[in-house]
Protein backbone atom coordinates (compact mmCIF):
# COMPACT_ATOMS: atom_id res chain seq x y z
CA UNK A 1 8.59 -18.25 -27.06
CA UNK A 2 9.32 -16.90 -23.80
CA UNK A 3 13.37 -16.80 -23.20
CA UNK A 4 14.96 -17.30 -19.56
CA UNK A 5 17.45 -14.37 -20.21
CA UNK A 6 16.12 -12.57 -17.29
CA UNK A 7 18.36 -9.09 -18.33
CA UNK A 8 17.60 -9.14 -21.88
CA UNK A 9 13.42 -9.68 -22.29
CA UNK A 10 12.46 -6.38 -20.55
CA UNK A 11 15.21 -4.05 -22.28
CA UNK A 12 14.20 -5.50 -25.68
CA UNK A 13 10.35 -4.61 -24.67
CA UNK A 14 11.19 -1.42 -23.43
CA UNK A 15 11.21 1.97 -25.06
CA UNK A 16 15.03 2.96 -25.22
CA UNK A 17 15.05 6.24 -22.84
CA UNK A 18 15.09 9.71 -24.24
CA UNK A 19 18.26 10.03 -22.00
CA UNK A 20 19.48 6.41 -22.08
CA UNK A 21 23.00 6.17 -19.35
CA UNK A 22 21.34 9.48 -17.50
CA UNK A 23 18.78 10.42 -15.01
CA UNK A 24 15.87 8.52 -15.93
CA UNK A 25 12.68 9.80 -15.37
CA UNK A 26 10.21 7.65 -13.06
CA UNK A 27 6.27 7.41 -12.54
CA UNK A 28 5.55 6.38 -9.15
CA UNK A 29 2.35 4.44 -8.61
CA UNK A 30 2.09 4.50 -4.88
CA UNK A 31 -0.63 5.28 -1.94
CA UNK A 32 -0.16 8.56 -0.06
CA UNK A 33 -2.29 9.08 3.25
CA UNK A 34 -2.16 9.93 7.38
CA UNK A 35 -4.17 7.29 7.75
CA UNK A 36 -1.66 4.69 8.45
CA UNK A 37 1.94 5.00 9.51
CA UNK A 38 2.90 1.98 7.46
CA UNK A 39 2.30 3.30 3.84
CA UNK A 40 2.82 6.83 5.14
CA UNK A 41 6.58 6.57 5.76
CA UNK A 42 6.85 3.87 2.81
CA UNK A 43 5.92 5.13 -0.26
CA UNK A 44 8.39 8.61 1.00
CA UNK A 45 11.08 5.88 1.28
CA UNK A 46 10.48 4.12 -1.93
CA UNK A 47 10.95 7.82 -3.32
CA UNK A 48 13.68 8.61 -1.02
CA UNK A 49 15.92 5.02 -2.19
CA UNK A 50 15.46 5.39 -5.41
CA UNK A 51 16.63 9.56 -5.70
CA UNK A 52 19.22 8.94 -3.13
CA UNK A 53 20.57 6.08 -5.47
CA UNK A 54 24.31 7.14 -6.95
CA UNK A 55 23.92 10.15 -5.63
CA UNK A 56 20.76 11.25 -7.60
CA UNK A 57 22.95 10.84 -10.58
CA UNK A 58 20.17 7.93 -11.72
CA UNK A 59 16.45 8.22 -10.85
CA UNK A 60 13.69 10.81 -10.53
CA UNK A 61 10.22 10.78 -9.82
CA UNK A 62 8.89 13.16 -11.67
CA UNK A 63 5.11 12.07 -10.76
CA UNK A 64 2.81 10.17 -9.19
CA UNK A 65 -0.72 8.71 -8.78
CA UNK A 66 -2.73 6.88 -6.22
CA UNK A 67 -2.33 3.23 -7.46
CA UNK A 68 -5.61 2.60 -6.28
CA UNK A 69 -7.22 4.88 -8.45
CA UNK A 70 -8.35 3.82 -11.88
CA UNK A 71 -5.84 3.98 -14.53
CA UNK A 72 -7.15 5.30 -17.62
CA UNK A 73 -6.13 6.15 -20.94
CA UNK A 74 -5.14 9.90 -21.01
CA UNK A 75 -2.49 8.86 -17.95
CA UNK A 76 -1.38 6.28 -19.50
CA UNK A 77 -0.50 8.05 -22.80
CA UNK A 78 0.57 11.07 -20.16
CA UNK A 79 3.18 7.97 -18.60
CA UNK A 80 4.44 6.79 -22.41
CA UNK A 81 5.38 10.67 -23.47
CA UNK A 82 7.47 11.91 -20.44
CA UNK A 83 8.47 9.04 -18.35
CA UNK A 84 11.22 6.47 -18.79
CA UNK A 85 9.85 3.86 -16.29
CA UNK A 86 7.05 3.27 -14.07
CA UNK A 87 7.80 2.31 -10.41
CA UNK A 88 4.38 0.65 -8.72
CA UNK A 89 4.72 -0.14 -4.66
CA UNK A 90 5.77 -1.03 -2.36
CA UNK A 91 3.33 -2.41 0.43
CA UNK A 92 1.20 -5.50 0.37
CA UNK A 93 -0.58 -4.69 -3.28
CA UNK A 94 -1.18 -8.41 -3.09
CA UNK A 95 -4.60 -8.48 -1.35
CA UNK A 96 -8.12 -9.13 -3.23
CA UNK A 97 -10.32 -7.00 -1.07
CA UNK A 98 -8.70 -3.62 -0.53
CA UNK A 99 -9.28 -1.38 -3.31
CA UNK A 100 -11.44 -4.62 -4.57
CA UNK A 101 -11.21 -4.40 -8.30
CA UNK A 102 -12.20 -6.66 -11.72
CA UNK A 103 -9.68 -5.27 -14.10
CA UNK A 104 -6.43 -6.75 -11.91
CA UNK A 105 -7.71 -8.79 -8.73
CA UNK A 106 -5.07 -6.51 -6.64
CA UNK A 107 -4.41 -3.43 -5.74
CA UNK A 108 -3.34 -1.80 -8.67
CA UNK A 109 -6.32 -0.68 -10.35
CA UNK A 110 -5.40 -1.12 -13.84
CA UNK A 111 -6.99 -2.87 -16.44
CA UNK A 112 -5.46 -5.64 -18.70
CA UNK A 113 -6.21 -3.45 -21.85
CA UNK A 114 -4.51 -0.28 -19.69
CA UNK A 115 -1.28 -2.33 -18.70
CA UNK A 116 -0.97 -3.52 -22.54
CA UNK A 117 -0.91 0.38 -23.53
CA UNK A 118 2.14 0.83 -21.11
CA UNK A 119 5.39 1.28 -23.25
CA UNK A 120 7.81 1.89 -20.69
CA UNK A 121 8.96 -0.84 -18.89
CA UNK A 122 7.86 -0.92 -15.16
CA UNK A 123 9.63 -1.77 -12.04
CA UNK A 124 7.53 -3.08 -9.23
CA UNK A 125 9.41 -2.70 -5.77
CA UNK A 126 8.95 -4.10 -2.62
CA UNK A 127 5.68 -5.19 -2.97
CA UNK A 128 3.91 -8.10 -0.81
CA UNK A 129 1.55 -10.92 -0.94
CA UNK A 130 -0.53 -9.93 1.76
CA UNK A 131 -3.32 -12.29 1.77
CA UNK A 132 -4.57 -12.95 4.55
CA UNK A 133 -4.44 -16.58 6.95
CA UNK A 134 -7.19 -18.79 5.42
CA UNK A 135 -8.39 -15.76 2.98
CA UNK A 136 -9.46 -17.00 -0.22
CA UNK A 137 -7.43 -16.95 -3.37
CA UNK A 138 -7.03 -13.88 -5.38
CA UNK A 139 -9.97 -13.78 -8.22
CA UNK A 140 -9.85 -13.25 -11.87
CA UNK A 141 -8.05 -12.01 -13.75
CA UNK A 142 -5.48 -12.02 -10.84
CA UNK A 143 -3.39 -14.62 -12.87
CA UNK A 144 -3.51 -13.18 -16.23
CA UNK A 145 -2.44 -9.78 -14.98
CA UNK A 146 0.33 -10.83 -12.54
CA UNK A 147 2.32 -12.47 -15.72
CA UNK A 148 1.35 -9.58 -18.15
CA UNK A 149 2.78 -7.16 -15.44
CA UNK A 150 5.64 -9.36 -14.94
CA UNK A 151 5.78 -9.91 -18.83
CA UNK A 152 6.52 -5.53 -18.77
CA UNK A 153 8.62 -5.22 -15.70
CA UNK A 154 12.73 -5.16 -16.24
CA UNK A 155 12.22 -5.98 -11.76
CA UNK A 156 10.13 -7.70 -10.19
CA UNK A 157 10.64 -7.20 -6.51
CA UNK A 158 9.10 -8.79 -3.85
CA UNK A 159 9.42 -7.32 0.00
CA UNK A 160 9.94 -10.77 1.92
CA UNK A 161 11.15 -14.80 0.69
CA UNK A 162 7.67 -15.68 1.51
CA UNK A 163 5.68 -13.39 -0.81
CA UNK A 164 8.29 -14.46 -3.51
CA UNK A 165 8.09 -18.17 -2.76
CA UNK A 166 4.01 -18.01 -3.20
CA UNK A 167 3.35 -15.26 -5.88
CA UNK A 168 5.97 -17.49 -7.96
CA UNK A 169 3.12 -20.02 -7.84
CA UNK A 170 1.21 -18.05 -10.13
CA UNK A 171 3.63 -17.16 -12.39
CA UNK A 172 3.26 -19.17 -16.06
CA UNK A 173 6.84 -19.25 -17.12
CA UNK A 174 10.49 -17.50 -15.90
CA UNK A 175 9.46 -17.69 -11.74
CA UNK A 176 12.79 -17.33 -11.19
CA UNK A 177 12.30 -13.48 -12.09
CA UNK A 178 10.34 -12.67 -9.20
CA UNK A 179 13.22 -11.50 -7.08
CA UNK A 180 13.40 -10.28 -3.53
CA UNK A 181 13.51 -6.41 -2.70
CA UNK A 182 13.28 -5.93 1.35
CA UNK A 183 10.82 -3.08 2.13
CA UNK A 184 13.18 0.41 2.13
CA UNK A 185 11.47 0.65 5.86
CA UNK A 186 13.80 -1.57 6.95
CA UNK A 187 16.83 -0.17 6.00
CA UNK A 188 15.39 3.57 7.85
CA UNK A 189 18.67 4.15 9.85
CA UNK A 190 20.32 4.43 6.29
CA UNK A 191 17.85 7.22 4.80
CA UNK A 192 17.87 8.93 8.16
CA UNK A 193 21.05 8.27 9.71
CA UNK A 194 20.87 11.73 11.87
CA UNK A 195 17.79 10.53 13.63
CA UNK A 196 19.31 6.63 14.21
CA UNK A 197 20.83 5.90 17.51
CA UNK A 198 23.75 3.50 17.96
CA UNK A 199 23.02 3.22 21.13
CA UNK A 200 19.35 3.99 22.11
CA UNK A 201 17.84 6.31 24.99
CA UNK A 202 16.20 3.46 26.76
CA UNK A 203 18.19 3.47 30.49
CA UNK A 204 18.12 -0.18 31.29
CA UNK A 205 16.41 -1.54 27.84
CA UNK A 206 13.21 -2.46 29.64
CA UNK A 207 10.68 -0.70 27.67
CA UNK A 208 8.62 -1.98 25.34
CA UNK A 209 6.70 -0.63 22.85
CA UNK A 210 2.93 -1.98 21.75
CA UNK A 211 0.81 -1.77 18.92
CA UNK A 212 -2.20 -4.32 18.06
CA UNK A 213 -5.09 -4.96 15.68
CA UNK A 214 -6.77 -8.07 15.53
CA UNK A 215 -9.26 -7.24 12.28
CA UNK A 216 -12.19 -8.55 10.60
CA UNK A 217 -9.98 -10.95 8.21
CA UNK A 218 -8.50 -12.34 11.09
CA UNK A 219 -11.71 -13.29 13.29
CA UNK A 220 -13.18 -15.03 10.11
CA UNK A 221 -9.91 -17.12 10.53
CA UNK A 222 -10.94 -17.87 14.05
CA UNK A 223 -8.55 -15.44 15.64
CA UNK A 224 -10.70 -14.46 19.20
CA UNK A 225 -9.63 -10.92 19.10
CA UNK A 226 -10.73 -9.83 22.35
CA UNK A 227 -8.87 -12.80 24.05
CA UNK A 228 -5.44 -11.52 22.26
CA UNK A 229 -6.34 -8.29 23.39
CA UNK A 230 -6.83 -9.47 27.02
CA UNK A 231 -3.56 -11.56 26.94
CA UNK A 232 -1.08 -9.11 25.80
CA UNK A 233 -2.32 -6.81 28.49
CA UNK A 234 -2.06 -9.51 30.91
CA UNK A 235 2.14 -9.55 30.00
CA UNK A 236 2.38 -5.84 30.15
CA UNK A 237 0.66 -5.54 33.70
CA UNK A 238 2.98 -8.57 34.61
CA UNK A 239 5.94 -6.47 33.20
CA UNK A 240 5.00 -3.00 34.54
CA UNK A 241 5.09 -4.88 37.81
CA UNK A 242 8.54 -5.13 37.82
CA UNK A 243 9.39 -1.76 36.45
CA UNK A 244 9.27 -1.91 32.68
CA UNK A 245 7.71 1.11 31.05
CA UNK A 246 4.78 0.74 28.36
CA UNK A 247 4.42 2.94 25.14
CA UNK A 248 1.75 2.79 22.78
CA UNK A 249 2.26 3.25 19.43
CA UNK A 250 -1.26 3.15 17.12
CA UNK A 251 0.02 3.04 13.31
CA UNK A 252 -3.78 3.46 12.54
CA UNK A 253 -7.73 4.26 13.71
CA UNK A 254 -7.93 0.80 13.86
CA UNK A 255 -5.01 0.11 16.40
CA UNK A 256 -6.87 2.32 18.84
CA UNK A 257 -9.22 0.01 20.65
CA UNK A 258 -6.10 -2.13 22.04
CA UNK A 259 -4.72 1.72 23.18
CA UNK A 260 -7.70 2.23 25.10
CA UNK A 261 -8.36 -0.82 26.13
CA UNK A 262 -4.50 -0.48 27.76
CA UNK A 263 -5.15 2.86 29.05
CA UNK A 264 -8.43 1.66 30.67
CA UNK A 265 -6.25 -0.69 32.69
CA UNK A 266 -3.68 2.16 33.70
CA UNK A 267 -1.31 0.60 31.33
CA UNK A 268 0.50 2.83 29.33
CA UNK A 269 3.24 5.26 30.34
CA UNK A 270 3.54 7.22 27.12
CA UNK A 271 1.81 7.77 23.73
CA UNK A 272 3.09 8.17 20.10
CA UNK A 273 -0.12 8.33 17.87
CA UNK A 274 1.58 7.55 14.81
CA UNK A 275 -1.92 8.61 12.01
CA UNK A 276 -3.90 11.28 11.47
CA UNK A 277 -2.16 13.82 11.11
CA UNK A 278 0.60 15.87 8.86
CA UNK A 279 3.12 15.87 11.45
CA UNK A 280 3.65 11.93 11.60
CA UNK A 281 6.19 11.33 8.46
CA UNK A 282 9.01 10.68 10.25
CA UNK A 283 7.63 11.07 13.89
CA UNK A 284 7.39 7.34 13.95
CA UNK A 285 11.47 7.02 12.86
CA UNK A 286 12.58 9.38 15.37
CA UNK A 287 10.13 7.28 18.24
CA UNK A 288 11.44 3.80 17.09
CA UNK A 289 15.14 5.33 17.36
CA UNK A 290 14.99 5.19 21.59
CA UNK A 291 12.73 1.88 21.69
CA UNK A 292 14.61 -1.23 22.17
CA UNK A 293 11.96 -3.78 21.52
CA UNK A 294 8.75 -3.15 19.67
CA UNK A 295 5.55 -6.04 19.91
CA UNK A 296 3.13 -5.63 17.01
CA UNK A 297 0.60 -6.93 14.57
CA UNK A 298 0.97 -4.81 11.59
CA UNK A 299 3.93 -5.94 8.97
CA UNK A 300 5.36 -2.30 9.66
CA UNK A 301 5.22 -2.54 13.49
CA UNK A 302 8.16 -4.90 12.69
CA UNK A 303 9.60 -3.05 9.69
CA UNK A 304 9.99 0.74 10.95
CA UNK A 305 11.09 -0.36 14.37
CA UNK A 306 13.74 -3.12 13.18
CA UNK A 307 15.03 -0.51 10.72
CA UNK A 308 16.04 1.78 13.20
CA UNK A 309 17.72 -0.90 15.70
CA UNK A 310 14.83 -2.03 17.33
CA UNK A 311 13.93 -5.66 17.93
CA UNK A 312 10.66 -6.70 16.37
CA UNK A 313 8.44 -9.02 17.95
CA UNK A 314 4.87 -10.01 16.46
CA UNK A 315 2.10 -11.89 16.87
CA UNK A 316 1.43 -14.40 14.05
CA UNK A 317 -2.02 -13.11 12.97
CA UNK A 318 -0.88 -12.80 9.29
CA UNK A 319 1.36 -14.76 6.96
CA UNK A 320 3.68 -11.44 6.50
CA UNK A 321 4.72 -11.29 9.86
CA UNK A 322 6.37 -14.64 9.94
CA UNK A 323 7.66 -14.48 6.48
CA UNK A 324 9.05 -11.08 8.12
CA UNK A 325 10.54 -12.97 11.50
CA UNK A 326 11.70 -15.85 9.14
CA UNK A 327 13.80 -13.09 6.84
CA UNK A 328 15.79 -11.53 9.79
CA UNK A 329 16.51 -15.18 10.91
CA UNK A 330 14.09 -14.94 14.21
CA UNK A 331 11.32 -17.30 13.68
CA UNK A 332 10.31 -17.92 17.03
CA UNK A 333 9.46 -14.05 17.11
CA UNK A 334 6.10 -14.28 15.32
CA UNK A 335 4.16 -15.15 18.35
CA UNK A 336 1.46 -17.86 17.62
CA UNK A 337 -1.59 -16.03 19.53
CA UNK A 338 -3.66 -19.09 19.71
CA UNK A 339 -1.35 -21.03 21.35
CA UNK A 340 -2.53 -21.70 25.01
CA UNK A 341 0.83 -20.73 26.54
CA UNK A 342 0.83 -17.24 24.72
CA UNK A 343 1.47 -15.36 27.99
CA UNK A 344 4.38 -16.98 29.11
CA UNK A 345 5.81 -17.35 25.66
CA UNK A 346 5.69 -13.39 25.47
CA UNK A 347 6.48 -12.57 28.70
CA UNK A 348 9.57 -15.10 28.56
CA UNK A 349 10.61 -13.67 25.16
CA UNK A 350 10.61 -10.23 26.01
CA UNK A 351 13.00 -11.07 29.09
CA UNK A 352 15.04 -12.94 26.49
CA UNK A 353 15.43 -10.36 24.03
CA UNK A 354 16.02 -7.88 26.39
CA UNK A 355 18.63 -9.38 28.71
CA UNK A 356 20.69 -10.02 25.12
CA UNK A 357 19.84 -6.29 23.82
CA UNK A 358 23.58 -5.56 22.94
CA UNK A 359 24.29 -9.08 21.29
CA UNK A 360 20.56 -8.99 19.03
CA UNK A 361 21.17 -5.11 18.15
CA UNK A 362 24.61 -5.59 16.64
CA UNK A 363 22.93 -9.02 14.87
CA UNK A 364 20.64 -7.55 13.17
CA UNK A 365 22.11 -4.48 12.18
CA UNK A 366 24.79 -7.08 10.22
CA UNK A 367 20.98 -8.00 8.47
CA UNK A 368 19.89 -4.92 8.28
CA UNK A 369 23.48 -3.96 5.94
CA UNK A 370 22.91 -6.76 3.59
CA UNK A 371 19.26 -5.41 3.07
CA UNK A 372 20.60 -2.47 2.46
CA UNK A 373 23.50 -3.85 0.31
CA UNK A 374 20.59 -6.02 -1.71
CA UNK A 375 18.62 -3.20 -2.33
CA UNK A 376 21.38 -0.97 -4.09
CA UNK A 377 22.38 -4.06 -6.02
CA UNK A 378 19.16 -4.37 -7.17
CA UNK A 379 18.75 -0.21 -7.83
CA UNK A 380 22.35 -0.83 -10.24
CA UNK A 381 20.44 -3.95 -11.96
CA UNK A 382 17.36 -1.69 -12.53
CA UNK A 383 19.45 0.84 -13.71
CA UNK A 384 21.51 -1.44 -16.25
CA UNK A 385 18.72 -3.29 -17.99
CA UNK A 386 16.79 -0.14 -18.95
CA UNK A 387 19.80 1.71 -20.44
CA UNK A 388 22.82 -0.77 -20.23
CA UNK A 389 25.22 1.77 -18.25
CA UNK A 390 26.71 -0.08 -15.44
CA UNK A 391 26.50 2.12 -12.39
CA UNK A 392 28.82 1.36 -8.87
CA UNK A 393 26.05 1.00 -6.38
CA UNK A 394 26.38 3.94 -3.65
CA UNK A 395 23.76 5.71 -1.77
CA UNK A 396 22.97 9.65 -0.36
CA UNK A 397 20.73 10.07 2.36
CA UNK A 398 18.64 13.36 2.50
CA UNK A 399 19.91 16.17 4.82
CA UNK A 400 17.95 16.95 7.55
CA UNK A 401 16.87 20.29 5.69
CA UNK A 402 15.72 18.14 2.60
CA UNK A 403 13.58 16.16 4.77
CA UNK A 404 11.45 19.11 5.55
CA UNK A 405 11.13 20.05 2.49
CA UNK A 406 10.22 16.27 1.34
CA UNK A 407 7.83 16.28 4.24
CA UNK A 408 6.22 19.67 3.01
CA UNK A 409 5.97 18.66 -0.50
CA UNK A 410 4.49 14.99 0.51
CA UNK A 411 1.73 16.91 2.19
CA UNK A 412 1.03 19.15 -0.69
CA UNK A 413 0.78 15.72 -3.13
CA UNK A 414 -1.61 14.47 -0.59
CA UNK A 415 -3.56 17.42 -0.62
CA UNK A 416 -3.57 17.69 -4.43
CA UNK A 417 -4.46 14.40 -4.27
CA UNK A 418 -7.60 14.79 -2.00
CA UNK A 419 -8.84 18.00 -4.05
CA UNK A 420 -8.54 15.75 -7.45
CA UNK A 421 -10.87 12.80 -5.44
CA UNK A 422 -13.36 15.97 -4.35
CA UNK A 423 -13.50 16.91 -8.10
CA UNK A 424 -13.51 13.44 -9.51
CA UNK A 425 -16.49 13.25 -6.57
CA UNK A 426 -18.06 16.23 -7.64
CA UNK A 427 -17.97 16.01 -11.48
CA UNK A 428 -19.86 12.09 -10.76
CA UNK A 429 -22.60 14.08 -8.91
CA UNK A 430 -22.81 16.86 -12.04
CA UNK A 431 -22.72 13.97 -13.99
CA UNK A 432 -25.60 11.87 -12.29
CA UNK A 433 -27.92 15.28 -12.34
CA UNK A 434 -26.84 15.80 -16.03
CA UNK A 435 -28.43 12.25 -16.05
CA UNK A 436 -31.30 12.84 -14.01
CA UNK A 437 -32.38 15.84 -15.96
CA UNK A 438 -31.90 14.28 -19.11
CA UNK A 439 -34.14 11.40 -18.09
CA UNK A 440 -36.78 14.30 -17.07
CA UNK A 441 -36.08 16.11 -20.14
CA UNK A 442 -37.28 12.97 -22.02
CA UNK A 443 -40.67 12.16 -19.74
CA UNK A 444 -41.89 15.69 -20.25
CA UNK A 445 -41.47 15.12 -24.20
CA UNK A 446 -43.22 11.85 -23.68
CA UNK A 447 -45.61 13.39 -21.55
CA UNK A 448 -46.15 16.47 -23.71
CA UNK A 449 -46.54 13.82 -27.19
CA UNK A 450 -49.58 12.13 -24.67
CA UNK A 451 -51.45 15.40 -24.36
CA UNK A 452 -50.90 16.02 -28.09
CA UNK A 453 -52.18 12.89 -29.28
CA UNK A 454 -54.91 12.93 -26.43
CA UNK A 455 -55.65 16.94 -28.29
CA UNK A 456 -55.57 15.29 -31.55
CA UNK A 457 -57.92 12.61 -30.57
CA UNK A 458 -60.39 14.69 -28.95
CA UNK A 459 -60.27 16.94 -31.81
CA UNK A 460 -61.01 13.55 -34.11
CA UNK A 461 -63.71 12.80 -31.99
CA UNK A 462 -65.51 15.81 -32.25
CA UNK A 463 -65.31 16.02 -36.07
CA UNK A 464 -66.96 12.88 -35.93
CA UNK A 465 -69.40 13.75 -33.56
CA UNK A 466 -70.45 17.02 -35.79
CA UNK A 467 -70.33 14.70 -38.94
CA UNK A 468 -73.11 12.34 -36.93
CA UNK A 469 -75.00 15.51 -35.43
CA UNK A 470 -75.12 16.68 -39.76
CA UNK A 471 -76.37 13.23 -41.05
CA UNK A 472 -78.91 12.74 -38.31
CA UNK A 473 -80.72 15.73 -39.73
CA UNK A 474 -80.42 15.03 -42.99
CA UNK A 475 -82.54 11.81 -42.48
CA UNK A 476 -84.64 13.05 -40.26
CA UNK A 477 -88.27 12.72 -40.92
CA UNK A 478 -90.22 16.28 -42.21
C-alpha cells in the first residue's frame, strides 16, 4: 500500500549512493539546442542551479542525454552504474505531440520497461503541463507512466501552480507529492548577477520588446493569427508615434514571421535574434537586462525577461501564459487576444506598467526572491531525501570566466549530440541497406533454386522423350 510520507517512500526505494552525504552524481535528461531560446537557456540554467547549490558541494551533473531520444537498456545500465540520481527537465515536457511517442505519452522518451529498470532516484525538476487550449487529452500510457515516474521520484516539481493542479488530476495516489518548482530562468538575476541591472538603461522607460507566435495548435483552437499579429502591430505603430522604441526579440524560427511583419511596417528599432547560432546562450539575459517591458506569446518570453527584472506582458494563447501571470500576482498581464478590445487593452496596459515601472520592478524583485528561496529549499530537500543529510540552502553563481567555459562546454556537448544523431541516422541507413542486400540475396537464391528445378525438369523431360522413342522403335513393325 502506498504511504503518504513524502520523505520516507522515495528514499526507501532509492539505491544508497556511494558517496552519501557528499557530492551526488546526476545524470540529466535535457534538450540542447540553438533552435529555441527558452530551451537553449533553460537546461543550462538547471545545471547551474544544481551545481551552484551549497557552493557546489552537493550536486554535479556528470552526464546527459536528450530526453527526446529513445532510452535503451545500455543507457539505463550506465545510469545505474555511474549515477546517484537522474534529473528530468525542466521544460514543458507534458505534451503529447511534440516528440510524440507511444512509450510514455509525453516528451520523455522512455518505455515503462526501461523506467522500471532505473535503480537510482528520479528528480523531476521545473517541468510544465504544456497542453494547449482545447488540445486533446494525453494518449496512453501517459497516466500509468506519470504515476510510475512519480513513484520513482524523490522530488516531482512543476514550474507553475497551474501545472501542479492539472497534473495532480492524473495521479492515482499521493497527489500532494506533485510540488511547486519555478523555472530556473525566472531567477536569472541570481544566476547571472553580473549581467543583471538594478536600474536598467532604458531612458524614460518607453521601450517595448516583442515576440509573437500563433501556431497551428492555436489556430486549431480558433485563434486568428493574422488578426492577432495585425492588432499587435497596430498598437506598436501607435506607441511609436508617441516616441516609443520597439525591440524585436524572436526566440525561434517560427517567430520570424511576426518579426518580418513588423519590419515591413517599419516598426522595428532594434532586434536581438535569440536562435540559430552558438552565441545566443547568454545573449538573451544580457539583452533583457535593459528591456523594461516585454510582450510575448511564449512561456520563456515571459519567464526569462521576468528573471532579469522586466515586466512580462503576454497574450493568453496558451494555458501556461496565464498560469505564469497568475503565479507572479498579475493574471491581467496575460491579455485575451480574442477580445474585441485587445488593441485598447494592450495599449492601456503598456502605458500603465511603464508609468508604474519603478514600483512594479521592486514588487517583482520580491516575487523573484521568493522563487529563489523556493528553489534553494527544494534543492536542500532533494539532497536530504537522497542522502539523509540536511544542508543549509545557499547558492554560488558562476563567475564570468566560468560562464564562458560553460558556453564552450554547452557548444561541445551540442556538437557531440548532433554527431551522435548523424551516426545513428547513418547506422539506420546502413541497416536498411543490409536488409535490402539480405532480401536481394534471398531473392537470388530463390531464382537459382527455380533455375535448378527447371533444369532438372527439362532433364527429366529429355529422358522420358528418349525412352519413348526407343519404345516406339521396339514396337514398330518390321
